[in-house]
Amino acid sequence: MNPVFHEPGEIILIHQDQLKRYGGDAGIRDMGLLQLASSMPRAGIADNTCMKI
């Protein structure tokens, strides 16, 4: 089974949905940090795949 990774735009939509449901502060403080955080799981999978070869 292949993992599914969310892109930053999808994460923002999920966040907006959660704000509508539960309230909270809107907005993204640091878009670069969001992009970095969303790419880390992908990089971790690549590292693990390379190690198994």
C-alpha atoms as a PDB file:
ATOM      1  CA  MET A   1       0.000   0.000   0.000  1.00  0.00           C
ATOM      2  CA  ASN A   2       1.412   3.355  -1.005  1.00  0.00           C
ATOM      3  CA  PRO A   3       1.222   6.234   1.469  1.00  0.00           C
ATOM      4  CA  VAL A   4      -0.754   9.362   0.611  1.00  0.00           C
ATOM      5  CA  PHE A   5       0.893  12.729   1.272  1.00  0.00           C
ATOM      6  CA  HIS A   6      -1.042  15.982   1.503  1.00  0.00           C
ATOM      7  CA  GLU A   7       0.116  19.036  -0.388  1.00  0.00           C
ATOM      8  CA  PRO A   8       0.174  22.414   1.422  1.00  0.00           C
ATOM      9  CA  GLY A   9      -3.007  23.535  -0.390  1.00  0.00           C
ATOM     10  CA  GLU A  10      -4.855  20.454   0.860  1.00  0.00           C
ATOM     11  CA  ILE A  11      -3.598  21.051   4.395  1.00  0.00           C
ATOM     12  CA  ILE A  12      -4.916  24.621   4.254  1.00  0.00           C
ATOM     13  CA  LEU A  13      -8.353  23.368   3.146  1.00  0.00           C
ATOM     14  CA  ILE A  14      -8.410  20.842   5.994  1.00  0.00           C
ATOM     15  CA  HIS A  15      -7.430  23.616   8.415  1.00  0.00           C
ATOM     16  CA  GLN A  16     -10.221  25.867   7.117  1.00  0.00           C
ATOM     17  CA  ASP A  17     -12.733  23.040   7.595  1.00  0.00           C
ATOM     18  CA  GLN A  18     -11.514  22.489  11.163  1.00  0.00           C
ATOM     19  CA  LEU A  19     -11.831  26.220  11.890  1.00  0.00           C
ATOM     20  CA  LYS A  20     -15.456  26.188  10.705  1.00  0.00           C
ATOM     21  CA  ARG A  21     -16.226  23.146  12.852  1.00  0.00           C
ATOM     22  CA  TYR A  22     -14.356  24.003  16.031  1.00  0.00           C
ATOM     23  CA  GLY A  23     -13.275  27.660  15.835  1.00  0.00           C
ATOM     24  CA  GLY A  24      -9.814  29.090  16.286  1.00  0.00           C
ATOM     25  CA  ASP A  25      -7.471  31.537  14.620  1.00  0.00           C
ATOM     26  CA  ALA A  26      -7.363  31.622  10.829  1.00  0.00           C
ATOM     27  CA  GLY A  27      -4.265  32.134   8.738  1.00  0.00           C
ATOM     28  CA  ILE A  28      -0.879  30.607   8.146  1.00  0.00           C
ATOM     29  CA  ARG A  29       1.946  32.109  10.163  1.00  0.00           C
ATOM     30  CA  ASP A  30       4.787  30.773   7.995  1.00  0.00           C
ATOM     31  CA  MET A  31       3.987  29.280   4.575  1.00  0.00           C
ATOM     32  CA  GLY A  32       7.598  28.157   4.101  1.00  0.00           C
ATOM     33  CA  LEU A  33       7.448  26.179   7.337  1.00  0.00           C
ATOM     34  CA  LEU A  34       4.177  24.545   6.236  1.00  0.00           C
ATOM     35  CA  GLN A  35       5.781  23.539   2.932  1.00  0.00           C
ATOM     36  CA  LEU A  36       8.824  22.149   4.707  1.00  0.00           C
ATOM     37  CA  ALA A  37       6.727  20.220   7.234  1.00  0.00           C
ATOM     38  CA  SER A  38       4.567  18.713   4.501  1.00  0.00           C
ATOM     39  CA  SER A  39       7.644  17.522   2.584  1.00  0.00           C
ATOM     40  CA  MET A  40       9.330  15.811   5.550  1.00  0.00           C
ATOM     41  CA  PRO A  41       7.257  12.573   5.553  1.00  0.00           C
ATOM     42  CA  ARG A  42       7.961  12.161   1.836  1.00  0.00           C
ATOM     43  CA  ALA A  43      11.691  12.569   2.486  1.00  0.00           C
ATOM     44  CA  GLY A  44      11.553  10.068   5.349  1.00  0.00           C
ATOM     45  CA  ILE A  45       9.901   7.458   3.146  1.00  0.00           C
ATOM     46  CA  ALA A  46      12.550   8.013   0.474  1.00  0.00           C
ATOM     47  CA  ASP A  47      15.317   7.559   3.062  1.00  0.00           C
ATOM     48  CA  ASN A  48      13.797   4.311   4.332  1.00  0.00           C
ATOM     49  CA  THR A  49      13.342   3.019   0.799  1.00  0.00           C
ATOM     50  CA  CYS A  50      16.974   3.748  -0.069  1.00  0.00           C
ATOM     51  CA  MET A  51      18.191   2.009   3.083  1.00  0.00           C
ATOM     52  CA  LYS A  52      16.329  -1.216   2.225  1.00  0.00           C
ATOM     53  CA  ILE A  53      17.913  -1.514  -1.221  1.00  0.00           C
END
